[in-house]
């Protein structure tokens, strides 16, 4: 150490490089603040990404719900068309009629 460093006032401690301890603390504080801001901006970016993904999933869910409603409406239309086609007959009567037709065609085939 040199004689000049020894004669510095006691209020400002310093290291051998001539920097005062308070300026070192100030610089250190600034670096920590930059680190925190960097981490916050990184967290903000991650949050934006997560929110974008969530919006995408919500849109997909909305589309799926709309498709389900459309499918249900299509089934209702098919059912009403089938009811019109069969003339409001019940399924049991239709099955019996179909079996009678098959029996008649088999008997014709066997009689040949």
PDB file of N, CA and C in Angstrom:
ATOM      1  N   UNK A   1       0.844  -1.185   0.000  1.00  0.00           N
ATOM      2  CA  UNK A   1       0.000   0.000   0.000  1.00  0.00           C
ATOM      3  C   UNK A   1       0.886   1.243   0.000  1.00  0.00           C
ATOM      4  N   UNK A   2       0.350   2.242  -0.610  1.00  0.00           N
ATOM      5  CA  UNK A   2       1.126   3.477  -0.666  1.00  0.00           C
ATOM      6  C   UNK A   2       0.699   4.414   0.441  1.00  0.00           C
ATOM      7  N   UNK A   3       1.468   5.408   0.618  1.00  0.00           N
ATOM      8  CA  UNK A   3       1.208   6.384   1.675  1.00  0.00           C
ATOM      9  C   UNK A   3      -0.071   7.166   1.396  1.00  0.00           C
ATOM     10  N   UNK A   4      -0.430   7.396   0.117  1.00  0.00           N
ATOM     11  CA  UNK A   4      -1.636   8.149  -0.240  1.00  0.00           C
ATOM     12  C   UNK A   4      -2.891   7.406   0.194  1.00  0.00           C
ATOM     13  N   UNK A   5      -2.894   6.082   0.064  1.00  0.00           N
ATOM     14  CA  UNK A   5      -4.058   5.310   0.475  1.00  0.00           C
ATOM     15  C   UNK A   5      -4.253   5.335   1.982  1.00  0.00           C
ATOM     16  N   UNK A   6      -3.155   5.407   2.717  1.00  0.00           N
ATOM     17  CA  UNK A   6      -3.256   5.410   4.178  1.00  0.00           C
ATOM     18  C   UNK A   6      -3.837   6.716   4.666  1.00  0.00           C
ATOM     19  N   UNK A   7      -3.623   7.807   3.969  1.00  0.00           N
ATOM     20  CA  UNK A   7      -4.077   9.116   4.434  1.00  0.00           C
ATOM     21  C   UNK A   7      -5.500   9.437   3.996  1.00  0.00           C
ATOM     22  N   UNK A   8      -6.221   8.528   3.408  1.00  0.00           N
ATOM     23  CA  UNK A   8      -7.607   8.794   3.028  1.00  0.00           C
ATOM     24  C   UNK A   8      -8.446   8.950   4.282  1.00  0.00           C
ATOM     25  N   UNK A   9      -9.534   9.719   4.193  1.00  0.00           N
ATOM     26  CA  UNK A   9     -10.402   9.873   5.363  1.00  0.00           C
ATOM     27  C   UNK A   9     -11.033   8.534   5.731  1.00  0.00           C
ATOM     28  N   UNK A  10     -11.313   8.362   6.997  1.00  0.00           N
ATOM     29  CA  UNK A  10     -11.847   7.095   7.482  1.00  0.00           C
ATOM     30  C   UNK A  10     -13.285   6.841   7.029  1.00  0.00           C
ATOM     31  N   UNK A  11     -14.027   7.870   6.657  1.00  0.00           N
ATOM     32  CA  UNK A  11     -15.430   7.702   6.254  1.00  0.00           C
ATOM     33  C   UNK A  11     -15.600   6.929   4.961  1.00  0.00           C
ATOM     34  N   UNK A  12     -14.670   6.940   4.072  1.00  0.00           N
ATOM     35  CA  UNK A  12     -14.765   6.272   2.785  1.00  0.00           C
ATOM     36  C   UNK A  12     -13.759   5.142   2.711  1.00  0.00           C
ATOM     37  N   UNK A  13     -14.107   3.932   3.075  1.00  0.00           N
ATOM     38  CA  UNK A  13     -13.164   2.823   2.937  1.00  0.00           C
ATOM     39  C   UNK A  13     -12.921   2.534   1.461  1.00  0.00           C
ATOM     40  N   UNK A  14     -11.753   2.061   1.116  1.00  0.00           N
ATOM     41  CA  UNK A  14     -11.454   1.770  -0.277  1.00  0.00           C
ATOM     42  C   UNK A  14     -10.625   0.507  -0.368  1.00  0.00           C
ATOM     43  N   UNK A  15     -10.616  -0.056  -1.579  1.00  0.00           N
ATOM     44  CA  UNK A  15      -9.777  -1.214  -1.803  1.00  0.00           C
ATOM     45  C   UNK A  15      -8.463  -0.753  -2.427  1.00  0.00           C
ATOM     46  N   UNK A  16      -7.645  -1.646  -2.791  1.00  0.00           N
ATOM     47  CA  UNK A  16      -6.335  -1.294  -3.329  1.00  0.00           C
ATOM     48  C   UNK A  16      -6.409  -0.701  -4.727  1.00  0.00           C
ATOM     49  N   UNK A  17      -7.555  -0.762  -5.388  1.00  0.00           N
ATOM     50  CA  UNK A  17      -7.671  -0.258  -6.752  1.00  0.00           C
ATOM     51  C   UNK A  17      -8.155   1.178  -6.793  1.00  0.00           C
ATOM     52  N   UNK A  18      -8.426   1.755  -5.685  1.00  0.00           N
ATOM     53  CA  UNK A  18      -8.820   3.145  -5.647  1.00  0.00           C
ATOM     54  C   UNK A  18     -10.320   3.361  -5.726  1.00  0.00           C
ATOM     55  N   UNK A  19     -11.104   2.320  -5.797  1.00  0.00           N
ATOM     56  CA  UNK A  19     -12.557   2.456  -5.832  1.00  0.00           C
ATOM     57  C   UNK A  19     -13.075   2.487  -4.416  1.00  0.00           C
ATOM     58  N   UNK A  20     -13.978   3.370  -4.154  1.00  0.00           N
ATOM     59  CA  UNK A  20     -14.538   3.404  -2.806  1.00  0.00           C
ATOM     60  C   UNK A  20     -15.549   2.278  -2.638  1.00  0.00           C
ATOM     61  N   UNK A  21     -15.738   1.861  -1.429  1.00  0.00           N
ATOM     62  CA  UNK A  21     -16.653   0.759  -1.133  1.00  0.00           C
ATOM     63  C   UNK A  21     -18.093   1.132  -1.475  1.00  0.00           C
ATOM     64  N   UNK A  22     -18.454   2.388  -1.252  1.00  0.00           N
ATOM     65  CA  UNK A  22     -19.832   2.812  -1.561  1.00  0.00           C
ATOM     66  C   UNK A  22     -20.091   2.780  -3.062  1.00  0.00           C
ATOM     67  N   UNK A  23     -19.110   3.153  -3.889  1.00  0.00           N
ATOM     68  CA  UNK A  23     -19.320   3.084  -5.344  1.00  0.00           C
ATOM     69  C   UNK A  23     -19.391   1.627  -5.791  1.00  0.00           C
ATOM     70  N   UNK A  24     -18.623   0.756  -5.128  1.00  0.00           N
ATOM     71  CA  UNK A  24     -18.698  -0.676  -5.451  1.00  0.00           C
ATOM     72  C   UNK A  24     -20.089  -1.211  -5.132  1.00  0.00           C
ATOM     73  N   UNK A  25     -20.621  -0.800  -3.963  1.00  0.00           N
ATOM     74  CA  UNK A  25     -21.967  -1.230  -3.576  1.00  0.00           C
ATOM     75  C   UNK A  25     -23.006  -0.709  -4.561  1.00  0.00           C
ATOM     76  N   UNK A  26     -22.819   0.537  -4.996  1.00  0.00           N
ATOM     77  CA  UNK A  26     -23.741   1.134  -5.948  1.00  0.00           C
ATOM     78  C   UNK A  26     -23.720   0.364  -7.269  1.00  0.00           C
ATOM     79  N   UNK A  27     -22.516   0.047  -7.750  1.00  0.00           N
ATOM     80  CA  UNK A  27     -22.391  -0.720  -8.996  1.00  0.00           C
ATOM     81  C   UNK A  27     -22.971  -2.113  -8.830  1.00  0.00           C
ATOM     82  N   UNK A  28     -22.718  -2.710  -7.678  1.00  0.00           N
ATOM     83  CA  UNK A  28     -23.248  -4.039  -7.412  1.00  0.00           C
ATOM     84  C   UNK A  28     -24.779  -4.011  -7.387  1.00  0.00           C
ATOM     85  N   UNK A  29     -25.325  -2.978  -6.783  1.00  0.00           N
ATOM     86  CA  UNK A  29     -26.780  -2.823  -6.739  1.00  0.00           C
ATOM     87  C   UNK A  29     -27.359  -2.651  -8.125  1.00  0.00           C
ATOM     88  N   UNK A  30     -26.680  -1.882  -8.953  1.00  0.00           N
ATOM     89  CA  UNK A  30     -27.144  -1.684 -10.323  1.00  0.00           C
ATOM     90  C   UNK A  30     -27.132  -3.000 -11.095  1.00  0.00           C
ATOM     91  N   UNK A  31     -26.088  -3.795 -10.903  1.00  0.00           N
ATOM     92  CA  UNK A  31     -26.004  -5.094 -11.579  1.00  0.00           C
ATOM     93  C   UNK A  31     -27.131  -6.014 -11.141  1.00  0.00           C
ATOM     94  N   UNK A  32     -27.411  -6.026  -9.835  1.00  0.00           N
ATOM     95  CA  UNK A  32     -28.508  -6.864  -9.343  1.00  0.00           C
ATOM     96  C   UNK A  32     -29.846  -6.408  -9.928  1.00  0.00           C
ATOM     97  N   UNK A  33     -30.005  -5.078 -10.033  1.00  0.00           N
ATOM     98  CA  UNK A  33     -31.241  -4.555 -10.597  1.00  0.00           C
ATOM     99  C   UNK A  33     -31.367  -4.965 -12.063  1.00  0.00           C
ATOM    100  N   UNK A  34     -30.284  -4.904 -12.819  1.00  0.00           N
ATOM    101  CA  UNK A  34     -30.307  -5.341 -14.220  1.00  0.00           C
ATOM    102  C   UNK A  34     -30.664  -6.816 -14.309  1.00  0.00           C
ATOM    103  N   UNK A  35     -30.086  -7.618 -13.413  1.00  0.00           N
ATOM    104  CA  UNK A  35     -30.398  -9.056 -13.410  1.00  0.00           C
ATOM    105  C   UNK A  35     -31.877  -9.282 -13.152  1.00  0.00           C
ATOM    106  N   UNK A  36     -32.411  -8.572 -12.154  1.00  0.00           N
ATOM    107  CA  UNK A  36     -33.830  -8.727 -11.835  1.00  0.00           C
ATOM    108  C   UNK A  36     -34.698  -8.301 -13.009  1.00  0.00           C
ATOM    109  N   UNK A  37     -34.346  -7.188 -13.630  1.00  0.00           N
ATOM    110  CA  UNK A  37     -35.119  -6.726 -14.790  1.00  0.00           C
ATOM    111  C   UNK A  37     -35.039  -7.733 -15.924  1.00  0.00           C
ATOM    112  N   UNK A  38     -33.857  -8.324 -16.121  1.00  0.00           N
ATOM    113  CA  UNK A  38     -33.708  -9.356 -17.150  1.00  0.00           C
ATOM    114  C   UNK A  38     -34.573 -10.561 -16.835  1.00  0.00           C
ATOM    115  N   UNK A  39     -34.588 -10.968 -15.570  1.00  0.00           N
ATOM    116  CA  UNK A  39     -35.419 -12.103 -15.171  1.00  0.00           C
ATOM    117  C   UNK A  39     -36.898 -11.766 -15.332  1.00  0.00           C
ATOM    118  N   UNK A  40     -37.273 -10.517 -14.998  1.00  0.00           N
ATOM    119  CA  UNK A  40     -38.670 -10.120 -15.152  1.00  0.00           C
ATOM    120  C   UNK A  40     -39.079 -10.113 -16.613  1.00  0.00           C
ATOM    121  N   UNK A  41     -38.196  -9.595 -17.475  1.00  0.00           N
ATOM    122  CA  UNK A  41     -38.562  -9.574 -18.892  1.00  0.00           C
ATOM    123  C   UNK A  41     -38.650 -10.994 -19.439  1.00  0.00           C
ATOM    124  N   UNK A  42     -37.802 -11.885 -18.942  1.00  0.00           N
ATOM    125  CA  UNK A  42     -37.870 -13.285 -19.357  1.00  0.00           C
ATOM    126  C   UNK A  42     -39.182 -13.890 -18.858  1.00  0.00           C
ATOM    127  N   UNK A  43     -39.555 -13.579 -17.630  1.00  0.00           N
ATOM    128  CA  UNK A  43     -40.814 -14.081 -17.085  1.00  0.00           C
ATOM    129  C   UNK A  43     -41.999 -13.527 -17.873  1.00  0.00           C
ATOM    130  N   UNK A  44     -41.904 -12.252 -18.270  1.00  0.00           N
ATOM    131  CA  UNK A  44     -42.970 -11.653 -19.071  1.00  0.00           C
ATOM    132  C   UNK A  44     -43.116 -12.372 -20.401  1.00  0.00           C
ATOM    133  N   UNK A  45     -41.997 -12.690 -21.025  1.00  0.00           N
ATOM    134  CA  UNK A  45     -42.036 -13.414 -22.302  1.00  0.00           C
ATOM    135  C   UNK A  45     -42.656 -14.800 -22.116  1.00  0.00           C
ATOM    136  N   UNK A  46     -42.254 -15.479 -21.050  1.00  0.00           N
ATOM    137  CA  UNK A  46     -42.818 -16.811 -20.777  1.00  0.00           C
ATOM    138  C   UNK A  46     -44.312 -16.713 -20.532  1.00  0.00           C
ATOM    139  N   UNK A  47     -44.729 -15.681 -19.818  1.00  0.00           N
ATOM    140  CA  UNK A  47     -46.146 -15.474 -19.542  1.00  0.00           C
ATOM    141  C   UNK A  47     -46.915 -15.217 -20.838  1.00  0.00           C
ATOM    142  N   UNK A  48     -46.349 -14.420 -21.738  1.00  0.00           N
ATOM    143  CA  UNK A  48     -46.989 -14.164 -23.027  1.00  0.00           C
ATOM    144  C   UNK A  48     -47.166 -15.460 -23.811  1.00  0.00           C
ATOM    145  N   UNK A  49     -46.134 -16.299 -23.808  1.00  0.00           N
ATOM    146  CA  UNK A  49     -46.198 -17.571 -24.525  1.00  0.00           C
ATOM    147  C   UNK A  49     -47.299 -18.450 -23.953  1.00  0.00           C
ATOM    148  N   UNK A  50     -47.361 -18.519 -22.625  1.00  0.00           N
ATOM    149  CA  UNK A  50     -48.385 -19.339 -21.971  1.00  0.00           C
ATOM    150  C   UNK A  50     -49.778 -18.807 -22.292  1.00  0.00           C
ATOM    151  N   UNK A  51     -49.946 -17.492 -22.276  1.00  0.00           N
ATOM    152  CA  UNK A  51     -51.253 -16.906 -22.591  1.00  0.00           C
ATOM    153  C   UNK A  51     -51.645 -17.168 -24.040  1.00  0.00           C
ATOM    154  N   UNK A  52     -50.685 -17.110 -24.946  1.00  0.00           N
ATOM    155  CA  UNK A  52     -50.979 -17.413 -26.347  1.00  0.00           C
ATOM    156  C   UNK A  52     -51.406 -18.865 -26.511  1.00  0.00           C
ATOM    157  N   UNK A  53     -50.723 -19.762 -25.812  1.00  0.00           N
ATOM    158  CA  UNK A  53     -51.109 -21.174 -25.873  1.00  0.00           C
ATOM    159  C   UNK A  53     -52.516 -21.376 -25.323  1.00  0.00           C
ATOM    160  N   UNK A  54     -52.809 -20.681 -24.231  1.00  0.00           N
ATOM    161  CA  UNK A  54     -54.121 -20.807 -23.614  1.00  0.00           C
ATOM    162  C   UNK A  54     -55.204 -20.289 -24.569  1.00  0.00           C
ATOM    163  N   UNK A  55     -54.941 -19.171 -25.245  1.00  0.00           N
ATOM    164  CA  UNK A  55     -55.902 -18.650 -26.221  1.00  0.00           C
ATOM    165  C   UNK A  55     -56.132 -19.653 -27.346  1.00  0.00           C
ATOM    166  N   UNK A  56     -55.052 -20.278 -27.809  1.00  0.00           N
ATOM    167  CA  UNK A  56     -55.170 -21.274 -28.872  1.00  0.00           C
ATOM    168  C   UNK A  56     -56.027 -22.440 -28.415  1.00  0.00           C
ATOM    169  N   UNK A  57     -55.786 -22.924 -27.206  1.00  0.00           N
ATOM    170  CA  UNK A  57     -56.567 -24.046 -26.676  1.00  0.00           C
ATOM    171  C   UNK A  57     -58.036 -23.656 -26.515  1.00  0.00           C
ATOM    172  N   UNK A  58     -58.295 -22.424 -26.074  1.00  0.00           N
ATOM    173  CA  UNK A  58     -59.677 -21.978 -25.927  1.00  0.00           C
ATOM    174  C   UNK A  58     -60.380 -21.937 -27.282  1.00  0.00           C
ATOM    175  N   UNK A  59     -59.671 -21.478 -28.330  1.00  0.00           N
ATOM    176  CA  UNK A  59     -60.262 -21.452 -29.665  1.00  0.00           C
ATOM    177  C   UNK A  59     -60.556 -22.867 -30.149  1.00  0.00           C
ATOM    178  N   UNK A  60     -59.623 -23.797 -29.899  1.00  0.00           N
ATOM    179  CA  UNK A  60     -59.842 -25.191 -30.286  1.00  0.00           C
ATOM    180  C   UNK A  60     -61.058 -25.763 -29.568  1.00  0.00           C
ATOM    181  N   UNK A  61     -61.175 -25.470 -28.290  1.00  0.00           N
ATOM    182  CA  UNK A  61     -62.310 -25.954 -27.504  1.00  0.00           C
ATOM    183  C   UNK A  61     -63.618 -25.375 -28.032  1.00  0.00           C
ATOM    184  N   UNK A  62     -63.602 -24.094 -28.372  1.00  0.00           N
ATOM    185  CA  UNK A  62     -64.804 -23.460 -28.923  1.00  0.00           C
ATOM    186  C   UNK A  62     -65.197 -24.120 -30.239  1.00  0.00           C
ATOM    187  N   UNK A  63     -64.210 -24.390 -31.091  1.00  0.00           N
ATOM    188  CA  UNK A  63     -64.488 -25.059 -32.369  1.00  0.00           C
ATOM    189  C   UNK A  63     -65.049 -26.458 -32.150  1.00  0.00           C
ATOM    190  N   UNK A  64     -64.505 -27.185 -31.175  1.00  0.00           N
ATOM    191  CA  UNK A  64     -65.011 -28.521 -30.880  1.00  0.00           C
ATOM    192  C   UNK A  64     -66.451 -28.474 -30.380  1.00  0.00           C
ATOM    193  N   UNK A  65     -66.759 -27.488 -29.545  1.00  0.00           N
ATOM    194  CA  UNK A  65     -68.135 -27.349 -29.058  1.00  0.00           C
ATOM    195  C   UNK A  65     -69.090 -27.050 -30.212  1.00  0.00           C
ATOM    196  N   UNK A  66     -68.661 -26.160 -31.111  1.00  0.00           N
ATOM    197  CA  UNK A  66     -69.501 -25.842 -32.262  1.00  0.00           C
ATOM    198  C   UNK A  66     -69.713 -27.073 -33.145  1.00  0.00           C
ATOM    199  N   UNK A  67     -68.659 -27.855 -33.326  1.00  0.00           N
ATOM    200  CA  UNK A  67     -68.775 -29.076 -34.134  1.00  0.00           C
ATOM    201  C   UNK A  67     -69.726 -30.068 -33.466  1.00  0.00           C
ATOM    202  N   UNK A  68     -69.667 -30.171 -32.146  1.00  0.00           N
ATOM    203  CA  UNK A  68     -70.562 -31.082 -31.431  1.00  0.00           C
ATOM    204  C   UNK A  68     -72.024 -30.653 -31.595  1.00  0.00           C
ATOM    205  N   UNK A  69     -72.263 -29.348 -31.537  1.00  0.00           N
ATOM    206  CA  UNK A  69     -73.625 -28.839 -31.718  1.00  0.00           C
ATOM    207  C   UNK A  69     -74.105 -29.119 -33.138  1.00  0.00           C
ATOM    208  N   UNK A  70     -73.207 -28.908 -34.119  1.00  0.00           N
ATOM    209  CA  UNK A  70     -73.575 -29.189 -35.510  1.00  0.00           C
ATOM    210  C   UNK A  70     -73.881 -30.671 -35.704  1.00  0.00           C
ATOM    211  N   UNK A  71     -73.075 -31.548 -35.095  1.00  0.00           N
ATOM    212  CA  UNK A  71     -73.328 -32.985 -35.198  1.00  0.00           C
ATOM    213  C   UNK A  71     -74.687 -33.347 -34.605  1.00  0.00           C
ATOM    214  N   UNK A  72     -74.997 -32.756 -33.462  1.00  0.00           N
ATOM    215  CA  UNK A  72     -76.292 -33.038 -32.832  1.00  0.00           C
ATOM    216  C   UNK A  72     -77.431 -32.572 -33.726  1.00  0.00           C
ATOM    217  N   UNK A  73     -77.266 -31.408 -34.334  1.00  0.00           N
ATOM    218  CA  UNK A  73     -78.308 -30.907 -35.245  1.00  0.00           C
ATOM    219  C   UNK A  73     -78.443 -31.814 -36.463  1.00  0.00           C
ATOM    220  N   UNK A  74     -77.318 -32.281 -36.982  1.00  0.00           N
ATOM    221  CA  UNK A  74     -77.366 -33.193 -38.131  1.00  0.00           C
ATOM    222  C   UNK A  74     -78.083 -34.490 -37.775  1.00  0.00           C
ATOM    223  N   UNK A  75     -77.829 -35.003 -36.581  1.00  0.00           N
ATOM    224  CA  UNK A  75     -78.513 -36.230 -36.152  1.00  0.00           C
ATOM    225  C   UNK A  75     -80.014 -36.013 -36.037  1.00  0.00           C
ATOM    226  N   UNK A  76     -80.394 -34.853 -35.522  1.00  0.00           N
ATOM    227  CA  UNK A  76     -81.832 -34.548 -35.432  1.00  0.00           C
ATOM    228  C   UNK A  76     -82.465 -34.503 -36.823  1.00  0.00           C
ATOM    229  N   UNK A  77     -81.754 -33.891 -37.767  1.00  0.00           N
ATOM    230  CA  UNK A  77     -82.270 -33.828 -39.148  1.00  0.00           C
ATOM    231  C   UNK A  77     -82.407 -35.227 -39.739  1.00  0.00           C
ATOM    232  N   UNK A  78     -81.378 -36.056 -39.528  1.00  0.00           N
ATOM    233  CA  UNK A  78     -81.437 -37.427 -40.041  1.00  0.00           C
ATOM    234  C   UNK A  78     -82.603 -38.191 -39.433  1.00  0.00           C
ATOM    235  N   UNK A  79     -82.794 -38.017 -38.148  1.00  0.00           N
ATOM    236  CA  UNK A  79     -83.891 -38.708 -37.467  1.00  0.00           C
ATOM    237  C   UNK A  79     -85.235 -38.266 -38.038  1.00  0.00           C
ATOM    238  N   UNK A  80     -85.393 -36.957 -38.243  1.00  0.00           N
ATOM    239  CA  UNK A  80     -86.677 -36.481 -38.769  1.00  0.00           C
ATOM    240  C   UNK A  80     -86.886 -36.963 -40.207  1.00  0.00           C
ATOM    241  N   UNK A  81     -85.794 -36.994 -40.995  1.00  0.00           N
ATOM    242  CA  UNK A  81     -85.922 -37.523 -42.353  1.00  0.00           C
ATOM    243  C   UNK A  81     -86.286 -39.007 -42.339  1.00  0.00           C
ATOM    244  N   UNK A  82     -85.689 -39.749 -41.444  1.00  0.00           N
ATOM    245  CA  UNK A  82     -86.006 -41.178 -41.335  1.00  0.00           C
ATOM    246  C   UNK A  82     -87.450 -41.372 -40.914  1.00  0.00           C
ATOM    247  N   UNK A  83     -87.926 -40.541 -40.009  1.00  0.00           N
ATOM    248  CA  UNK A  83     -89.321 -40.644 -39.570  1.00  0.00           C
ATOM    249  C   UNK A  83     -90.270 -40.357 -40.729  1.00  0.00           C
ATOM    250  N   UNK A  84     -89.934 -39.369 -41.546  1.00  0.00           N
ATOM    251  CA  UNK A  84     -90.759 -39.071 -42.710  1.00  0.00           C
ATOM    252  C   UNK A  84     -90.743 -40.236 -43.698  1.00  0.00           C
ATOM    253  N   UNK A  85     -89.579 -40.822 -43.879  1.00  0.00           N
ATOM    254  CA  UNK A  85     -89.410 -41.892 -44.859  1.00  0.00           C
ATOM    255  C   UNK A  85     -90.201 -43.140 -44.479  1.00  0.00           C
ATOM    256  N   UNK A  86     -90.161 -43.489 -43.211  1.00  0.00           N
ATOM    257  CA  UNK A  86     -90.847 -44.717 -42.802  1.00  0.00           C
ATOM    258  C   UNK A  86     -92.302 -44.464 -42.459  1.00  0.00           C
ATOM    259  N   UNK A  87     -92.729 -43.241 -42.542  1.00  0.00           N
ATOM    260  CA  UNK A  87     -94.150 -42.940 -42.326  1.00  0.00           C
ATOM    261  C   UNK A  87     -94.573 -43.152 -40.893  1.00  0.00           C
ATOM    262  N   UNK A  88     -93.719 -42.788 -39.965  1.00  0.00           N
ATOM    263  CA  UNK A  88     -94.014 -42.875 -38.540  1.00  0.00           C
ATOM    264  C   UNK A  88     -94.271 -44.308 -38.076  1.00  0.00           C
ATOM    265  N   UNK A  89     -93.812 -45.307 -38.834  1.00  0.00           N
ATOM    266  CA  UNK A  89     -93.936 -46.694 -38.377  1.00  0.00           C
ATOM    267  C   UNK A  89     -92.841 -46.967 -37.364  1.00  0.00           C
ATOM    268  N   UNK A  90     -93.088 -47.862 -36.471  1.00  0.00           N
ATOM    269  CA  UNK A  90     -92.049 -48.153 -35.486  1.00  0.00           C
ATOM    270  C   UNK A  90     -91.046 -49.163 -36.050  1.00  0.00           C
ATOM    271  N   UNK A  91     -89.938 -49.283 -35.407  1.00  0.00           N
ATOM    272  CA  UNK A  91     -88.845 -50.119 -35.888  1.00  0.00           C
ATOM    273  C   UNK A  91     -89.235 -51.597 -35.876  1.00  0.00           C
ATOM    274  N   UNK A  92     -90.021 -52.020 -34.908  1.00  0.00           N
ATOM    275  CA  UNK A  92     -90.453 -53.417 -34.826  1.00  0.00           C
ATOM    276  C   UNK A  92     -91.239 -53.834 -36.060  1.00  0.00           C
ATOM    277  N   UNK A  93     -92.169 -52.984 -36.475  1.00  0.00           N
ATOM    278  CA  UNK A  93     -92.959 -53.282 -37.678  1.00  0.00           C
ATOM    279  C   UNK A  93     -92.075 -53.354 -38.912  1.00  0.00           C
ATOM    280  N   UNK A  94     -91.077 -52.447 -38.983  1.00  0.00           N
ATOM    281  CA  UNK A  94     -90.166 -52.467 -40.129  1.00  0.00           C
ATOM    282  C   UNK A  94     -89.331 -53.740 -40.163  1.00  0.00           C
ATOM    283  N   UNK A  95     -88.887 -54.190 -38.999  1.00  0.00           N
ATOM    284  CA  UNK A  95     -88.081 -55.412 -38.927  1.00  0.00           C
ATOM    285  C   UNK A  95     -88.917 -56.616 -39.364  1.00  0.00           C
ATOM    286  N   UNK A  96     -90.161 -56.672 -38.921  1.00  0.00           N
ATOM    287  CA  UNK A  96     -91.044 -57.774 -39.302  1.00  0.00           C
ATOM    288  C   UNK A  96     -91.280 -57.758 -40.802  1.00  0.00           C
ATOM    289  N   UNK A  97     -91.520 -56.576 -41.368  1.00  0.00           N
ATOM    290  CA  UNK A  97     -91.743 -56.470 -42.811  1.00  0.00           C
ATOM    291  C   UNK A  97     -90.506 -56.928 -43.578  1.00  0.00           C
ATOM    292  N   UNK A  98     -89.320 -56.528 -43.117  1.00  0.00           N
ATOM    293  CA  UNK A  98     -88.071 -56.922 -43.772  1.00  0.00           C
ATOM    294  C   UNK A  98     -87.882 -58.437 -43.714  1.00  0.00           C
ATOM    295  N   UNK A  99     -88.159 -59.048 -42.564  1.00  0.00           N
ATOM    296  CA  UNK A  99     -88.032 -60.500 -42.428  1.00  0.00           C
ATOM    297  C   UNK A  99     -89.008 -61.233 -43.355  1.00  0.00           C
ATOM    298  N   UNK A 100     -90.220 -60.720 -43.477  1.00  0.00           N
ATOM    299  CA  UNK A 100     -91.193 -61.339 -44.370  1.00  0.00           C
ATOM    300  C   UNK A 100     -90.724 -61.276 -45.825  1.00  0.00           C
ATOM    301  N   UNK A 101     -90.122 -60.144 -46.195  1.00  0.00           N
ATOM    302  CA  UNK A 101     -89.600 -60.009 -47.562  1.00  0.00           C
ATOM    303  C   UNK A 101     -88.455 -60.994 -47.812  1.00  0.00           C
ATOM    304  N   UNK A 102     -87.580 -61.146 -46.838  1.00  0.00           N
ATOM    305  CA  UNK A 102     -86.468 -62.083 -46.981  1.00  0.00           C
ATOM    306  C   UNK A 102     -86.984 -63.522 -47.079  1.00  0.00           C
ATOM    307  N   UNK A 103     -87.972 -63.861 -46.253  1.00  0.00           N
ATOM    308  CA  UNK A 103     -88.551 -65.205 -46.284  1.00  0.00           C
ATOM    309  C   UNK A 103     -89.180 -65.488 -47.643  1.00  0.00           C
ATOM    310  N   UNK A 104     -89.865 -64.503 -48.159  1.00  0.00           N
ATOM    311  CA  UNK A 104     -90.505 -64.678 -49.481  1.00  0.00           C
ATOM    312  C   UNK A 104     -89.447 -64.882 -50.568  1.00  0.00           C
ATOM    313  N   UNK A 105     -88.366 -64.139 -50.517  1.00  0.00           N
ATOM    314  CA  UNK A 105     -87.325 -64.293 -51.552  1.00  0.00           C
ATOM    315  C   UNK A 105     -86.619 -65.618 -51.401  1.00  0.00           C
ATOM    316  N   UNK A 106     -86.400 -66.087 -50.178  1.00  0.00           N
ATOM    317  CA  UNK A 106     -85.756 -67.403 -49.962  1.00  0.00           C
ATOM    318  C   UNK A 106     -86.671 -68.506 -50.450  1.00  0.00           C
ATOM    319  N   UNK A 107     -87.983 -68.423 -50.167  1.00  0.00           N
ATOM    320  CA  UNK A 107     -88.921 -69.470 -50.615  1.00  0.00           C
ATOM    321  C   UNK A 107     -89.004 -69.520 -52.139  1.00  0.00           C
ATOM    322  N   UNK A 108     -88.956 -68.376 -52.775  1.00  0.00           N
ATOM    323  CA  UNK A 108     -88.943 -68.357 -54.244  1.00  0.00           C
ATOM    324  C   UNK A 108     -87.704 -69.015 -54.781  1.00  0.00           C
ATOM    325  N   UNK A 109     -86.588 -68.757 -54.149  1.00  0.00           N
ATOM    326  CA  UNK A 109     -85.320 -69.333 -54.578  1.00  0.00           C
ATOM    327  C   UNK A 109     -85.321 -70.849 -54.396  1.00  0.00           C
ATOM    328  N   UNK A 110     -85.903 -71.325 -53.288  1.00  0.00           N
ATOM    329  CA  UNK A 110     -85.934 -72.777 -53.017  1.00  0.00           C
ATOM    330  C   UNK A 110     -86.917 -73.511 -53.934  1.00  0.00           C
ATOM    331  N   UNK A 111     -87.963 -72.850 -54.382  1.00  0.00           N
ATOM    332  CA  UNK A 111     -88.970 -73.476 -55.245  1.00  0.00           C
ATOM    333  C   UNK A 111     -88.436 -73.667 -56.657  1.00  0.00           C
ATOM    334  N   UNK A 112     -87.421 -73.051 -57.043  1.00  0.00           N
ATOM    335  CA  UNK A 112     -86.895 -73.151 -58.401  1.00  0.00           C
ATOM    336  C   UNK A 112     -86.292 -74.453 -58.627  1.00  0.00           C
TER     337      UNK A 112
END
